[in-house]
Amino acid sequence: LLSPLALSILELLDEQPMHPYEMASKMRARHHDEFIRLNFGTLYHSVEVLERNGWILPVEREKEGKRPERTIYKLTDSGREVLTTTLGELLRQPRKEYPHFAAGLMFMHHLTAKQAAAHLHERGETLDVIVGKFQAVLEELLRRGVTRLALIEVEHKIAMLDAEREWVRGLEREINEGKLEWKVGIDSGHEALRRNHGQRAH
């Protein structure tokens, strides 16, 4: 499956031919860098991979003043097919992901309840700031006339962050009120579940 950066390159070239520097500028202007890891090293590497696969082609080179020569690329028919196929897969099929927060939750019983609640409180405050930032970006771009469809990933991001924020605050509240059973350093019954499962298997 294509990386988000490679997908963004194909999407931009589906609009018009351009060189990598222009791609990076448009990605930042459209806030793609909030959703993909963007730097010139990985950008140029992705361009090379896409070209090797025949999904993009160099069409001309331009040079302005003392700036290095820039290669302009265009999307090929096979590249457009890869773009639409990949988009369909991403929208249709949930993918297994490995978020760092889930790892923190998985092992937070190694902290005291007070420590865990404090960390969750701080996360909630950080999420307040992040949600506010994305909401401001969304409102500003909508005011500029950018369509909702062009910003739908920002809307989704806000919804996911807002849901996480509410869940984190609820969990913090349960810990502080003593409603969540807490055994510091104990694997919360997982070992017992494994033993029982093993006995049933035999």
N, C-alpha and C. Protein backbone atom coordinates (compact mmCIF):
# COMPACT_ATOMS: atom_id res chain seq x y z
N LEU A 1 0.85 -1.20 0.00
CA LEU A 1 0.00 0.00 0.00
C LEU A 1 0.88 1.24 0.00
N LEU A 2 0.47 2.25 -0.75
CA LEU A 2 1.24 3.49 -0.83
C LEU A 2 1.31 4.19 0.52
N SER A 3 2.43 4.86 0.78
CA SER A 3 2.54 5.68 1.98
C SER A 3 1.67 6.92 1.81
N PRO A 4 1.25 7.56 2.92
CA PRO A 4 0.48 8.80 2.80
C PRO A 4 1.21 9.87 1.99
N LEU A 5 2.54 9.93 2.11
CA LEU A 5 3.30 10.93 1.36
C LEU A 5 3.24 10.63 -0.14
N ALA A 6 3.43 9.38 -0.52
CA ALA A 6 3.35 9.01 -1.94
C ALA A 6 1.96 9.27 -2.49
N LEU A 7 0.95 9.00 -1.68
CA LEU A 7 -0.43 9.25 -2.09
C LEU A 7 -0.66 10.74 -2.32
N SER A 8 -0.09 11.56 -1.45
CA SER A 8 -0.23 13.01 -1.60
C SER A 8 0.45 13.51 -2.87
N ILE A 9 1.59 12.92 -3.21
CA ILE A 9 2.29 13.30 -4.45
C ILE A 9 1.42 12.97 -5.66
N LEU A 10 0.87 11.77 -5.69
CA LEU A 10 0.02 11.38 -6.82
C LEU A 10 -1.21 12.28 -6.91
N GLU A 11 -1.78 12.61 -5.76
CA GLU A 11 -2.98 13.46 -5.74
C GLU A 11 -2.68 14.84 -6.32
N LEU A 12 -1.53 15.41 -5.96
CA LEU A 12 -1.16 16.73 -6.48
C LEU A 12 -0.90 16.68 -7.98
N LEU A 13 -0.22 15.63 -8.42
CA LEU A 13 0.09 15.52 -9.85
C LEU A 13 -1.15 15.19 -10.67
N ASP A 14 -2.19 14.69 -10.03
CA ASP A 14 -3.45 14.48 -10.74
C ASP A 14 -4.11 15.82 -11.07
N GLU A 15 -3.72 16.86 -10.34
CA GLU A 15 -4.23 18.21 -10.62
C GLU A 15 -3.45 18.87 -11.76
N GLN A 16 -2.11 18.76 -11.67
CA GLN A 16 -1.26 19.37 -12.70
C GLN A 16 0.18 18.92 -12.50
N PRO A 17 1.01 18.95 -13.54
CA PRO A 17 2.43 18.64 -13.38
C PRO A 17 3.10 19.67 -12.48
N MET A 18 4.09 19.25 -11.71
CA MET A 18 4.83 20.18 -10.85
C MET A 18 6.12 19.53 -10.38
N HIS A 19 7.02 20.35 -9.84
CA HIS A 19 8.28 19.85 -9.32
C HIS A 19 8.15 19.61 -7.81
N PRO A 20 9.05 18.83 -7.22
CA PRO A 20 8.94 18.48 -5.80
C PRO A 20 8.85 19.67 -4.86
N TYR A 21 9.57 20.75 -5.15
CA TYR A 21 9.51 21.92 -4.26
C TYR A 21 8.10 22.49 -4.23
N GLU A 22 7.45 22.54 -5.39
CA GLU A 22 6.07 23.03 -5.44
C GLU A 22 5.13 22.06 -4.72
N MET A 23 5.41 20.76 -4.85
CA MET A 23 4.60 19.77 -4.13
C MET A 23 4.64 20.05 -2.63
N ALA A 24 5.85 20.24 -2.11
CA ALA A 24 6.01 20.48 -0.67
C ALA A 24 5.29 21.76 -0.24
N SER A 25 5.39 22.80 -1.07
CA SER A 25 4.73 24.07 -0.74
C SER A 25 3.21 23.90 -0.68
N LYS A 26 2.66 23.16 -1.64
CA LYS A 26 1.21 22.94 -1.66
C LYS A 26 0.77 22.06 -0.50
N MET A 27 1.57 21.06 -0.16
CA MET A 27 1.22 20.20 0.97
C MET A 27 1.14 21.01 2.26
N ARG A 28 2.10 21.91 2.45
CA ARG A 28 2.09 22.73 3.67
C ARG A 28 0.93 23.73 3.64
N ALA A 29 0.67 24.31 2.48
CA ALA A 29 -0.43 25.27 2.37
C ALA A 29 -1.77 24.61 2.66
N ARG A 30 -1.88 23.33 2.31
CA ARG A 30 -3.13 22.59 2.53
C ARG A 30 -3.12 21.81 3.84
N HIS A 31 -2.07 22.01 4.63
CA HIS A 31 -1.93 21.36 5.95
C HIS A 31 -1.83 19.85 5.85
N HIS A 32 -1.33 19.35 4.72
CA HIS A 32 -1.09 17.92 4.61
C HIS A 32 -0.04 17.47 5.62
N ASP A 33 0.87 18.39 5.98
CA ASP A 33 1.95 18.02 6.90
C ASP A 33 1.45 17.76 8.32
N GLU A 34 0.16 18.03 8.58
CA GLU A 34 -0.44 17.65 9.86
C GLU A 34 -0.80 16.17 9.88
N PHE A 35 -0.81 15.54 8.71
CA PHE A 35 -1.26 14.15 8.60
C PHE A 35 -0.20 13.22 8.03
N ILE A 36 0.85 13.79 7.43
CA ILE A 36 1.93 12.98 6.87
C ILE A 36 3.27 13.54 7.32
N ARG A 37 4.28 12.69 7.36
CA ARG A 37 5.63 13.14 7.71
C ARG A 37 6.26 13.72 6.45
N LEU A 38 6.52 15.01 6.49
CA LEU A 38 6.99 15.70 5.29
C LEU A 38 8.35 16.33 5.53
N ASN A 39 9.34 15.88 4.79
CA ASN A 39 10.63 16.56 4.70
C ASN A 39 11.17 16.28 3.30
N PHE A 40 12.14 17.09 2.87
CA PHE A 40 12.58 16.98 1.48
C PHE A 40 13.28 15.65 1.20
N GLY A 41 13.94 15.07 2.20
CA GLY A 41 14.59 13.79 1.98
C GLY A 41 13.60 12.70 1.62
N THR A 42 12.55 12.56 2.44
CA THR A 42 11.54 11.53 2.17
C THR A 42 10.71 11.88 0.94
N LEU A 43 10.52 13.17 0.68
CA LEU A 43 9.75 13.58 -0.50
C LEU A 43 10.47 13.15 -1.78
N TYR A 44 11.76 13.47 -1.88
CA TYR A 44 12.52 13.12 -3.08
C TYR A 44 12.65 11.60 -3.23
N HIS A 45 12.79 10.91 -2.10
CA HIS A 45 12.85 9.44 -2.17
C HIS A 45 11.54 8.87 -2.71
N SER A 46 10.41 9.41 -2.22
CA SER A 46 9.11 8.94 -2.70
C SER A 46 8.93 9.22 -4.18
N VAL A 47 9.39 10.39 -4.63
CA VAL A 47 9.31 10.73 -6.05
C VAL A 47 10.11 9.72 -6.88
N GLU A 48 11.30 9.36 -6.40
CA GLU A 48 12.13 8.39 -7.13
C GLU A 48 11.44 7.03 -7.21
N VAL A 49 10.83 6.60 -6.10
CA VAL A 49 10.14 5.30 -6.09
C VAL A 49 8.96 5.32 -7.05
N LEU A 50 8.19 6.39 -7.03
CA LEU A 50 7.03 6.50 -7.92
C LEU A 50 7.47 6.51 -9.38
N GLU A 51 8.59 7.19 -9.66
CA GLU A 51 9.09 7.22 -11.04
C GLU A 51 9.57 5.84 -11.47
N ARG A 52 10.27 5.13 -10.58
CA ARG A 52 10.75 3.78 -10.92
C ARG A 52 9.60 2.83 -11.25
N ASN A 53 8.48 3.04 -10.57
CA ASN A 53 7.31 2.19 -10.81
C ASN A 53 6.51 2.61 -12.04
N GLY A 54 6.91 3.71 -12.65
CA GLY A 54 6.21 4.18 -13.84
C GLY A 54 4.92 4.91 -13.55
N TRP A 55 4.74 5.34 -12.30
CA TRP A 55 3.49 6.02 -11.93
C TRP A 55 3.57 7.53 -12.14
N ILE A 56 4.79 8.06 -12.21
CA ILE A 56 4.99 9.46 -12.58
C ILE A 56 6.15 9.52 -13.56
N LEU A 57 6.20 10.58 -14.36
CA LEU A 57 7.26 10.73 -15.35
C LEU A 57 7.77 12.17 -15.35
N PRO A 58 9.10 12.36 -15.53
CA PRO A 58 9.62 13.72 -15.70
C PRO A 58 9.24 14.23 -17.09
N VAL A 59 8.75 15.45 -17.15
CA VAL A 59 8.32 15.99 -18.45
C VAL A 59 9.19 17.16 -18.91
N GLU A 60 9.77 17.89 -17.96
CA GLU A 60 10.67 18.98 -18.35
C GLU A 60 11.48 19.42 -17.14
N ARG A 61 12.52 20.17 -17.40
CA ARG A 61 13.35 20.72 -16.34
C ARG A 61 13.38 22.23 -16.48
N GLU A 62 13.29 22.91 -15.35
CA GLU A 62 13.31 24.37 -15.39
C GLU A 62 14.40 24.89 -14.46
N LYS A 63 14.94 26.05 -14.81
CA LYS A 63 15.98 26.66 -14.00
C LYS A 63 15.72 28.15 -13.90
N GLU A 64 15.71 28.66 -12.66
CA GLU A 64 15.49 30.08 -12.43
C GLU A 64 16.71 30.66 -11.74
N GLY A 65 17.38 31.57 -12.42
CA GLY A 65 18.54 32.24 -11.84
C GLY A 65 19.60 31.26 -11.37
N LYS A 66 20.04 31.44 -10.12
CA LYS A 66 21.10 30.60 -9.57
C LYS A 66 20.54 29.38 -8.83
N ARG A 67 19.23 29.22 -8.86
CA ARG A 67 18.63 28.06 -8.18
C ARG A 67 18.97 26.77 -8.92
N PRO A 68 19.05 25.65 -8.18
CA PRO A 68 19.30 24.37 -8.85
C PRO A 68 18.18 24.04 -9.83
N GLU A 69 18.53 23.27 -10.83
CA GLU A 69 17.54 22.85 -11.82
C GLU A 69 16.45 22.01 -11.16
N ARG A 70 15.21 22.25 -11.55
CA ARG A 70 14.09 21.52 -10.97
C ARG A 70 13.40 20.67 -12.04
N THR A 71 13.10 19.43 -11.67
CA THR A 71 12.43 18.52 -12.59
C THR A 71 10.93 18.54 -12.34
N ILE A 72 10.17 18.76 -13.40
CA ILE A 72 8.71 18.76 -13.31
C ILE A 72 8.20 17.37 -13.69
N TYR A 73 7.30 16.85 -12.86
CA TYR A 73 6.76 15.51 -13.08
C TYR A 73 5.27 15.58 -13.42
N LYS A 74 4.82 14.54 -14.12
CA LYS A 74 3.39 14.41 -14.40
C LYS A 74 2.93 13.01 -14.00
N LEU A 75 1.64 12.86 -13.80
CA LEU A 75 1.05 11.58 -13.44
C LEU A 75 0.79 10.76 -14.69
N THR A 76 1.12 9.47 -14.65
CA THR A 76 0.84 8.59 -15.79
C THR A 76 -0.53 7.94 -15.60
N ASP A 77 -1.00 7.26 -16.62
CA ASP A 77 -2.29 6.56 -16.53
C ASP A 77 -2.25 5.48 -15.45
N SER A 78 -1.13 4.76 -15.39
CA SER A 78 -1.02 3.71 -14.36
C SER A 78 -0.94 4.33 -12.97
N GLY A 79 -0.32 5.51 -12.87
CA GLY A 79 -0.27 6.21 -11.60
C GLY A 79 -1.64 6.64 -11.13
N ARG A 80 -2.46 7.10 -12.08
CA ARG A 80 -3.83 7.50 -11.74
C ARG A 80 -4.64 6.28 -11.28
N GLU A 81 -4.41 5.15 -11.92
CA GLU A 81 -5.11 3.93 -11.52
C GLU A 81 -4.70 3.50 -10.12
N VAL A 82 -3.40 3.60 -9.81
CA VAL A 82 -2.91 3.27 -8.47
C VAL A 82 -3.52 4.22 -7.44
N LEU A 83 -3.61 5.49 -7.79
CA LEU A 83 -4.20 6.48 -6.89
C LEU A 83 -5.63 6.13 -6.53
N THR A 84 -6.46 5.87 -7.53
CA THR A 84 -7.88 5.59 -7.27
C THR A 84 -8.06 4.25 -6.55
N THR A 85 -7.25 3.26 -6.91
CA THR A 85 -7.34 1.96 -6.25
C THR A 85 -6.97 2.07 -4.77
N THR A 86 -5.88 2.79 -4.49
CA THR A 86 -5.43 2.96 -3.11
C THR A 86 -6.45 3.73 -2.28
N LEU A 87 -7.02 4.78 -2.86
CA LEU A 87 -8.03 5.55 -2.14
C LEU A 87 -9.22 4.67 -1.78
N GLY A 88 -9.63 3.83 -2.72
CA GLY A 88 -10.74 2.92 -2.44
C GLY A 88 -10.44 1.98 -1.29
N GLU A 89 -9.22 1.44 -1.27
CA GLU A 89 -8.82 0.53 -0.20
C GLU A 89 -8.79 1.24 1.15
N LEU A 90 -8.27 2.45 1.17
CA LEU A 90 -8.16 3.20 2.43
C LEU A 90 -9.53 3.54 3.00
N LEU A 91 -10.47 3.90 2.14
CA LEU A 91 -11.80 4.25 2.60
C LEU A 91 -12.62 3.03 2.99
N ARG A 92 -12.38 1.93 2.30
CA ARG A 92 -13.21 0.73 2.48
C ARG A 92 -12.76 -0.13 3.65
N GLN A 93 -11.45 -0.28 3.82
CA GLN A 93 -10.93 -1.30 4.73
C GLN A 93 -10.18 -0.69 5.92
N PRO A 94 -10.69 -0.86 7.16
CA PRO A 94 -9.93 -0.39 8.33
C PRO A 94 -8.58 -1.11 8.40
N ARG A 95 -7.54 -0.37 8.75
CA ARG A 95 -6.20 -0.95 8.84
C ARG A 95 -5.77 -1.05 10.30
N LYS A 96 -5.05 -2.11 10.61
CA LYS A 96 -4.54 -2.27 11.96
C LYS A 96 -3.42 -1.27 12.19
N GLU A 97 -3.55 -0.49 13.25
CA GLU A 97 -2.54 0.51 13.57
C GLU A 97 -1.99 0.24 14.96
N TYR A 98 -0.86 0.85 15.26
CA TYR A 98 -0.19 0.60 16.53
C TYR A 98 0.12 1.94 17.22
N PRO A 99 -0.91 2.61 17.73
CA PRO A 99 -0.70 3.93 18.35
C PRO A 99 0.06 3.84 19.67
N HIS A 100 0.89 4.83 19.91
CA HIS A 100 1.68 4.87 21.14
C HIS A 100 0.80 5.00 22.38
N PHE A 101 -0.30 5.74 22.25
CA PHE A 101 -1.18 5.94 23.41
C PHE A 101 -1.73 4.61 23.91
N ALA A 102 -2.08 3.72 22.97
CA ALA A 102 -2.60 2.41 23.36
C ALA A 102 -1.57 1.63 24.17
N ALA A 103 -0.29 1.77 23.80
CA ALA A 103 0.77 1.09 24.56
C ALA A 103 0.85 1.66 25.98
N GLY A 104 0.69 2.99 26.09
CA GLY A 104 0.70 3.60 27.42
C GLY A 104 -0.45 3.11 28.28
N LEU A 105 -1.63 2.99 27.68
CA LEU A 105 -2.79 2.49 28.42
C LEU A 105 -2.60 1.02 28.82
N MET A 106 -2.01 0.26 27.92
CA MET A 106 -1.83 -1.17 28.16
C MET A 106 -1.00 -1.45 29.41
N PHE A 107 -0.03 -0.56 29.67
CA PHE A 107 0.90 -0.80 30.77
C PHE A 107 0.80 0.23 31.89
N MET A 108 -0.25 1.03 31.91
CA MET A 108 -0.30 2.10 32.91
C MET A 108 -0.51 1.58 34.32
N HIS A 109 -0.86 0.28 34.47
CA HIS A 109 -1.01 -0.28 35.82
C HIS A 109 0.33 -0.36 36.55
N HIS A 110 1.44 -0.09 35.86
CA HIS A 110 2.74 -0.04 36.51
C HIS A 110 2.97 1.30 37.21
N LEU A 111 2.06 2.24 37.01
CA LEU A 111 2.08 3.51 37.72
C LEU A 111 1.11 3.44 38.89
N THR A 112 1.20 4.40 39.79
CA THR A 112 0.15 4.50 40.80
C THR A 112 -1.06 5.14 40.15
N ALA A 113 -2.22 4.96 40.76
CA ALA A 113 -3.44 5.56 40.22
C ALA A 113 -3.31 7.08 40.16
N LYS A 114 -2.68 7.65 41.18
CA LYS A 114 -2.52 9.10 41.22
C LYS A 114 -1.64 9.59 40.07
N GLN A 115 -0.55 8.86 39.80
CA GLN A 115 0.34 9.22 38.70
C GLN A 115 -0.38 9.13 37.36
N ALA A 116 -1.10 8.03 37.15
CA ALA A 116 -1.81 7.83 35.89
C ALA A 116 -2.84 8.93 35.67
N ALA A 117 -3.60 9.25 36.71
CA ALA A 117 -4.63 10.29 36.59
C ALA A 117 -4.00 11.64 36.25
N ALA A 118 -2.85 11.93 36.85
CA ALA A 118 -2.17 13.21 36.58
C ALA A 118 -1.71 13.27 35.12
N HIS A 119 -1.17 12.18 34.62
CA HIS A 119 -0.72 12.15 33.22
C HIS A 119 -1.92 12.29 32.27
N LEU A 120 -3.01 11.63 32.59
CA LEU A 120 -4.21 11.73 31.75
C LEU A 120 -4.78 13.14 31.77
N HIS A 121 -4.70 13.78 32.94
CA HIS A 121 -5.17 15.17 33.04
C HIS A 121 -4.35 16.07 32.11
N GLU A 122 -3.04 15.86 32.12
CA GLU A 122 -2.16 16.66 31.26
C GLU A 122 -2.46 16.38 29.79
N ARG A 123 -2.73 15.12 29.46
CA ARG A 123 -3.08 14.79 28.07
C ARG A 123 -4.36 15.50 27.66
N GLY A 124 -5.34 15.52 28.55
CA GLY A 124 -6.60 16.21 28.25
C GLY A 124 -6.38 17.69 27.96
N GLU A 125 -5.51 18.32 28.74
CA GLU A 125 -5.22 19.74 28.52
C GLU A 125 -4.51 19.95 27.19
N THR A 126 -3.60 19.05 26.85
CA THR A 126 -2.90 19.14 25.56
C THR A 126 -3.87 18.96 24.41
N LEU A 127 -4.81 18.03 24.57
CA LEU A 127 -5.81 17.81 23.53
C LEU A 127 -6.70 19.04 23.35
N ASP A 128 -6.97 19.76 24.45
CA ASP A 128 -7.72 21.02 24.34
C ASP A 128 -7.03 21.97 23.36
N VAL A 129 -5.72 22.09 23.52
CA VAL A 129 -4.94 23.01 22.68
C VAL A 129 -4.95 22.54 21.22
N ILE A 130 -4.74 21.23 21.02
CA ILE A 130 -4.67 20.69 19.66
C ILE A 130 -6.01 20.83 18.95
N VAL A 131 -7.09 20.49 19.65
CA VAL A 131 -8.43 20.62 19.05
C VAL A 131 -8.70 22.08 18.69
N GLY A 132 -8.34 22.99 19.59
CA GLY A 132 -8.54 24.41 19.31
C GLY A 132 -7.77 24.86 18.09
N LYS A 133 -6.55 24.35 17.94
CA LYS A 133 -5.73 24.70 16.78
C LYS A 133 -6.37 24.23 15.49
N PHE A 134 -6.82 22.98 15.46
CA PHE A 134 -7.44 22.45 14.24
C PHE A 134 -8.76 23.14 13.93
N GLN A 135 -9.52 23.46 14.95
CA GLN A 135 -10.78 24.17 14.72
C GLN A 135 -10.53 25.55 14.12
N ALA A 136 -9.49 26.23 14.62
CA ALA A 136 -9.15 27.55 14.08
C ALA A 136 -8.72 27.45 12.62
N VAL A 137 -7.92 26.42 12.30
CA VAL A 137 -7.48 26.21 10.92
C VAL A 137 -8.68 25.94 10.02
N LEU A 138 -9.58 25.07 10.48
CA LEU A 138 -10.76 24.72 9.69
C LEU A 138 -11.63 25.94 9.43
N GLU A 139 -11.90 26.71 10.47
CA GLU A 139 -12.75 27.90 10.32
C GLU A 139 -12.12 28.93 9.39
N GLU A 140 -10.81 29.11 9.50
CA GLU A 140 -10.12 30.09 8.66
C GLU A 140 -10.17 29.68 7.19
N LEU A 141 -9.91 28.40 6.91
CA LEU A 141 -9.91 27.94 5.53
C LEU A 141 -11.32 27.97 4.93
N LEU A 142 -12.32 27.66 5.74
CA LEU A 142 -13.70 27.75 5.25
C LEU A 142 -14.06 29.20 4.93
N ARG A 143 -13.58 30.13 5.76
CA ARG A 143 -13.82 31.55 5.49
C ARG A 143 -13.18 31.99 4.18
N ARG A 144 -12.05 31.37 3.85
CA ARG A 144 -11.35 31.72 2.61
C ARG A 144 -12.00 31.11 1.38
N GLY A 145 -13.02 30.29 1.60
CA GLY A 145 -13.74 29.72 0.47
C GLY A 145 -13.35 28.31 0.11
N VAL A 146 -12.46 27.69 0.92
CA VAL A 146 -12.11 26.29 0.66
C VAL A 146 -13.33 25.43 0.99
N THR A 147 -13.63 24.48 0.13
CA THR A 147 -14.84 23.67 0.32
C THR A 147 -14.67 22.69 1.48
N ARG A 148 -15.79 22.29 2.04
CA ARG A 148 -15.77 21.31 3.13
C ARG A 148 -15.14 20.00 2.67
N LEU A 149 -15.43 19.59 1.44
CA LEU A 149 -14.88 18.33 0.92
C LEU A 149 -13.35 18.37 0.91
N ALA A 150 -12.78 19.51 0.57
CA ALA A 150 -11.33 19.64 0.53
C ALA A 150 -10.71 19.63 1.92
N LEU A 151 -11.55 19.82 2.94
CA LEU A 151 -11.05 19.88 4.32
C LEU A 151 -11.60 18.75 5.18
N ILE A 152 -12.16 17.73 4.54
CA ILE A 152 -12.87 16.70 5.30
C ILE A 152 -11.94 15.94 6.25
N GLU A 153 -10.64 15.83 5.89
CA GLU A 153 -9.71 15.12 6.78
C GLU A 153 -9.46 15.92 8.05
N VAL A 154 -9.53 17.26 7.97
CA VAL A 154 -9.38 18.10 9.16
C VAL A 154 -10.60 17.91 10.06
N GLU A 155 -11.77 17.86 9.46
CA GLU A 155 -13.00 17.64 10.22
C GLU A 155 -12.95 16.29 10.95
N HIS A 156 -12.47 15.27 10.24
CA HIS A 156 -12.34 13.94 10.85
C HIS A 156 -11.34 13.97 12.01
N LYS A 157 -10.23 14.67 11.81
CA LYS A 157 -9.21 14.77 12.86
C LYS A 157 -9.78 15.40 14.11
N ILE A 158 -10.56 16.46 13.95
CA ILE A 158 -11.17 17.14 15.10
C ILE A 158 -12.12 16.19 15.82
N ALA A 159 -12.93 15.46 15.06
CA ALA A 159 -13.89 14.53 15.66
C ALA A 159 -13.18 13.44 16.47
N MET A 160 -12.08 12.90 15.92
CA MET A 160 -11.34 11.85 16.61
C MET A 160 -10.65 12.39 17.87
N LEU A 161 -10.05 13.57 17.77
CA LEU A 161 -9.39 14.17 18.93
C LEU A 161 -10.39 14.52 20.01
N ASP A 162 -11.56 15.02 19.61
CA ASP A 162 -12.59 15.40 20.57
C ASP A 162 -13.11 14.16 21.30
N ALA A 163 -13.30 13.07 20.56
CA ALA A 163 -13.76 11.82 21.19
C ALA A 163 -12.71 11.30 22.17
N GLU A 164 -11.44 11.37 21.78
CA GLU A 164 -10.37 10.93 22.68
C GLU A 164 -10.33 11.79 23.93
N ARG A 165 -10.48 13.09 23.75
CA ARG A 165 -10.44 14.02 24.88
C ARG A 165 -11.53 13.69 25.90
N GLU A 166 -12.74 13.45 25.43
CA GLU A 166 -13.84 13.13 26.34
C GLU A 166 -13.60 11.80 27.04
N TRP A 167 -13.07 10.82 26.31
CA TRP A 167 -12.80 9.51 26.90
C TRP A 167 -11.71 9.61 27.96
N VAL A 168 -10.65 10.36 27.65
CA VAL A 168 -9.54 10.53 28.59
C VAL A 168 -10.02 11.20 29.87
N ARG A 169 -10.86 12.21 29.74
CA ARG A 169 -11.37 12.90 30.93
C ARG A 169 -12.26 11.97 31.76
N GLY A 170 -13.04 11.14 31.07
CA GLY A 170 -13.87 10.19 31.79
C GLY A 170 -13.04 9.17 32.54
N LEU A 171 -11.96 8.69 31.90
CA LEU A 171 -11.08 7.72 32.55
C LEU A 171 -10.37 8.35 33.74
N GLU A 172 -9.90 9.57 33.58
CA GLU A 172 -9.26 10.28 34.69
C GLU A 172 -10.23 10.41 35.87
N ARG A 173 -11.47 10.73 35.57
CA ARG A 173 -12.48 10.89 36.62
C ARG A 173 -12.73 9.56 37.34
N GLU A 174 -12.82 8.47 36.60
CA GLU A 174 -13.04 7.16 37.21
C GLU A 174 -11.88 6.77 38.13
N ILE A 175 -10.65 7.07 37.70
CA ILE A 175 -9.48 6.74 38.52
C ILE A 175 -9.51 7.56 39.81
N ASN A 176 -9.77 8.86 39.68
CA ASN A 176 -9.78 9.73 40.86
C ASN A 176 -10.89 9.36 41.84
N GLU A 177 -12.00 8.85 41.32
CA GLU A 177 -13.13 8.48 42.18
C GLU A 177 -13.03 7.04 42.69
N GLY A 178 -11.95 6.35 42.31
CA GLY A 178 -11.74 4.98 42.78
C GLY A 178 -12.65 3.96 42.13
N LYS A 179 -13.21 4.29 40.98
CA LYS A 179 -14.13 3.37 40.30
C LYS A 179 -13.42 2.35 39.42
N LEU A 180 -12.13 2.61 39.14
CA LEU A 180 -11.35 1.68 38.31
C LEU A 180 -10.42 0.89 39.21
N GLU A 181 -10.60 -0.43 39.24
CA GLU A 181 -9.76 -1.28 40.08
C GLU A 181 -8.29 -1.06 39.72
N TRP A 182 -7.45 -0.89 40.74
CA TRP A 182 -6.06 -0.55 40.46
C TRP A 182 -5.13 -1.44 41.28
N LYS A 183 -4.28 -2.19 40.59
CA LYS A 183 -3.27 -3.01 41.24
C LYS A 183 -1.93 -2.66 40.63
N VAL A 184 -1.14 -1.91 41.35
CA VAL A 184 0.12 -1.40 40.81
C VAL A 184 1.06 -2.55 40.48
N GLY A 185 1.56 -2.54 39.22
CA GLY A 185 2.56 -3.52 38.81
C GLY A 185 2.02 -4.89 38.51
N ILE A 186 0.70 -5.08 38.62
CA ILE A 186 0.11 -6.40 38.35
C ILE A 186 -0.55 -6.38 36.98
N ASP A 187 -0.46 -7.51 36.28
CA ASP A 187 -0.91 -7.56 34.89
C ASP A 187 -2.43 -7.64 34.76
N SER A 188 -3.14 -7.12 35.72
CA SER A 188 -4.59 -6.91 35.64
C SER A 188 -5.38 -8.13 35.18
N GLY A 189 -4.93 -9.33 35.58
CA GLY A 189 -5.71 -10.51 35.26
C GLY A 189 -5.38 -11.14 33.92
N HIS A 190 -4.49 -10.55 33.14
CA HIS A 190 -4.17 -11.11 31.82
C HIS A 190 -3.56 -12.51 31.94
N GLU A 191 -2.70 -12.70 32.95
CA GLU A 191 -2.05 -14.00 33.10
C GLU A 191 -3.07 -15.08 33.43
N ALA A 192 -4.06 -14.73 34.27
CA ALA A 192 -5.11 -15.69 34.61
C ALA A 192 -5.92 -16.05 33.37
N LEU A 193 -6.18 -15.06 32.53
CA LEU A 193 -6.92 -15.33 31.30
C LEU A 193 -6.14 -16.28 30.40
N ARG A 194 -4.82 -16.07 30.32
CA ARG A 194 -4.00 -16.95 29.49
C ARG A 194 -3.99 -18.37 30.03
N ARG A 195 -3.89 -18.50 31.38
CA ARG A 195 -3.89 -19.84 31.98
C ARG A 195 -5.21 -20.56 31.71
N ASN A 196 -6.31 -19.84 31.89
CA ASN A 196 -7.63 -20.45 31.65
C ASN A 196 -7.79 -20.86 30.20
N HIS A 197 -7.31 -20.00 29.30
CA HIS A 197 -7.41 -20.30 27.87
C HIS A 197 -6.60 -21.55 27.54
N GLY A 198 -5.40 -21.66 28.16
CA GLY A 198 -4.55 -22.82 27.91
C GLY A 198 -5.17 -24.10 28.42
N GLN A 199 -5.83 -24.03 29.59
CA GLN A 199 -6.49 -25.21 30.14
C GLN A 199 -7.63 -25.67 29.25
N ARG A 200 -8.41 -24.70 28.73
CA ARG A 200 -9.53 -25.06 27.85
C ARG A 200 -9.02 -25.67 26.55
N ALA A 201 -7.85 -25.17 26.09
CA ALA A 201 -7.31 -25.68 24.83
C ALA A 201 -6.90 -27.14 24.95
N HIS A 202 -6.48 -27.55 26.19
CA HIS A 202 -6.09 -28.94 26.38
C HIS A 202 -7.31 -29.79 26.68
